[in-house]
């Protein structure tokens, strides 16, 4: 596990798995799974279906701004450049 993944895993709600860290956030009616991948230094957003088991990748332009802001704050707290949140893959 890399240093950045370890740093994220120390934040509330984040879990680490090898080279990636993941957190889940629930809004009014939506649940998102957010993943950080250290080898590619990127963030992916997944929208979780109502069954809680199925998730589909979504573009960041569909993710609510407050959630994106929260992810950027988490990245900064973990000593990761928050600008990577906006990187297009």
Protein backbone atom coordinates (compact mmCIF):
# COMPACT_ATOMS: atom_id res chain seq x y z
CA UNK A 1 0.00 0.00 0.00
CA UNK A 2 1.35 3.39 -0.99
CA UNK A 3 1.71 6.45 1.20
CA UNK A 4 -1.19 8.33 -0.42
CA UNK A 5 -3.58 5.41 -0.03
CA UNK A 6 -2.48 5.05 3.59
CA UNK A 7 -3.09 8.76 4.18
CA UNK A 8 -6.62 8.53 2.79
CA UNK A 9 -7.33 5.40 4.84
CA UNK A 10 -6.70 7.45 7.98
CA UNK A 11 -9.62 9.75 7.13
CA UNK A 12 -13.14 9.00 8.30
CA UNK A 13 -14.98 6.60 5.99
CA UNK A 14 -12.05 5.79 3.69
CA UNK A 15 -10.87 2.19 3.28
CA UNK A 16 -7.68 1.00 1.62
CA UNK A 17 -7.11 -1.99 -0.62
CA UNK A 18 -3.60 -2.42 -2.00
CA UNK A 19 -3.13 0.50 -4.43
CA UNK A 20 -6.60 2.04 -4.06
CA UNK A 21 -8.71 3.83 -1.45
CA UNK A 22 -12.52 3.99 -1.42
CA UNK A 23 -15.20 5.95 0.39
CA UNK A 24 -19.01 5.98 0.15
CA UNK A 25 -21.17 9.08 0.45
CA UNK A 26 -24.93 9.30 0.51
CA UNK A 27 -26.82 12.39 -0.57
CA UNK A 28 -30.56 13.03 -0.57
CA UNK A 29 -31.45 10.16 -2.90
CA UNK A 30 -28.10 9.04 -4.28
CA UNK A 31 -25.21 6.93 -3.05
CA UNK A 32 -21.75 7.34 -4.55
CA UNK A 33 -18.62 5.26 -4.26
CA UNK A 34 -15.47 7.28 -4.82
CA UNK A 35 -12.16 5.59 -5.55
CA UNK A 36 -8.64 6.94 -5.59
CA UNK A 37 -6.03 4.95 -7.54
CA UNK A 38 -2.45 5.72 -6.56
CA UNK A 39 -0.63 4.28 -9.61
CA UNK A 40 -2.56 6.55 -11.98
CA UNK A 41 -3.15 9.31 -9.38
CA UNK A 42 -6.81 9.65 -10.28
CA UNK A 43 -10.32 9.70 -8.83
CA UNK A 44 -13.25 7.69 -10.20
CA UNK A 45 -16.87 8.24 -9.28
CA UNK A 46 -19.41 5.42 -9.19
CA UNK A 47 -23.13 5.79 -8.62
CA UNK A 48 -24.53 2.96 -6.52
CA UNK A 49 -27.91 1.55 -7.53
CA UNK A 50 -30.75 1.10 -5.05
CA UNK A 51 -29.81 -2.53 -4.37
CA UNK A 52 -26.54 -1.33 -2.81
CA UNK A 53 -24.63 -3.97 -4.76
CA UNK A 54 -24.45 -2.58 -8.28
CA UNK A 55 -22.45 0.51 -9.22
CA UNK A 56 -21.87 2.22 -12.55
CA UNK A 57 -19.12 4.72 -13.36
CA UNK A 58 -20.34 8.29 -13.83
CA UNK A 59 -18.76 11.43 -15.23
CA UNK A 60 -17.73 14.05 -12.72
CA UNK A 61 -20.05 16.60 -14.34
CA UNK A 62 -22.98 14.50 -13.05
CA UNK A 63 -21.66 14.43 -9.46
CA UNK A 64 -23.09 17.13 -7.14
CA UNK A 65 -20.65 20.00 -6.51
CA UNK A 66 -20.79 19.63 -2.70
CA UNK A 67 -19.58 16.04 -3.01
CA UNK A 68 -16.78 16.99 -5.38
CA UNK A 69 -15.74 19.74 -2.96
CA UNK A 70 -15.71 17.22 -0.10
CA UNK A 71 -13.50 14.85 -2.09
CA UNK A 72 -11.05 17.67 -2.88
CA UNK A 73 -10.92 18.50 0.84
CA UNK A 74 -10.23 14.86 1.68
CA UNK A 75 -7.42 14.78 -0.89
CA UNK A 76 -5.86 17.89 0.61
CA UNK A 77 -6.06 16.41 4.12
CA UNK A 78 -4.30 13.30 2.82
CA UNK A 79 -1.52 15.43 1.29
CA UNK A 80 -2.64 14.71 -2.29
CA UNK A 81 -2.94 17.43 -4.92
CA UNK A 82 -6.68 18.21 -4.99
CA UNK A 83 -6.46 19.18 -8.67
CA UNK A 84 -6.32 15.49 -9.61
CA UNK A 85 -10.04 15.31 -8.76
CA UNK A 86 -10.75 17.14 -12.04
CA UNK A 87 -8.45 15.03 -14.23
CA UNK A 88 -10.15 13.53 -17.24
CA UNK A 89 -9.22 9.93 -17.82
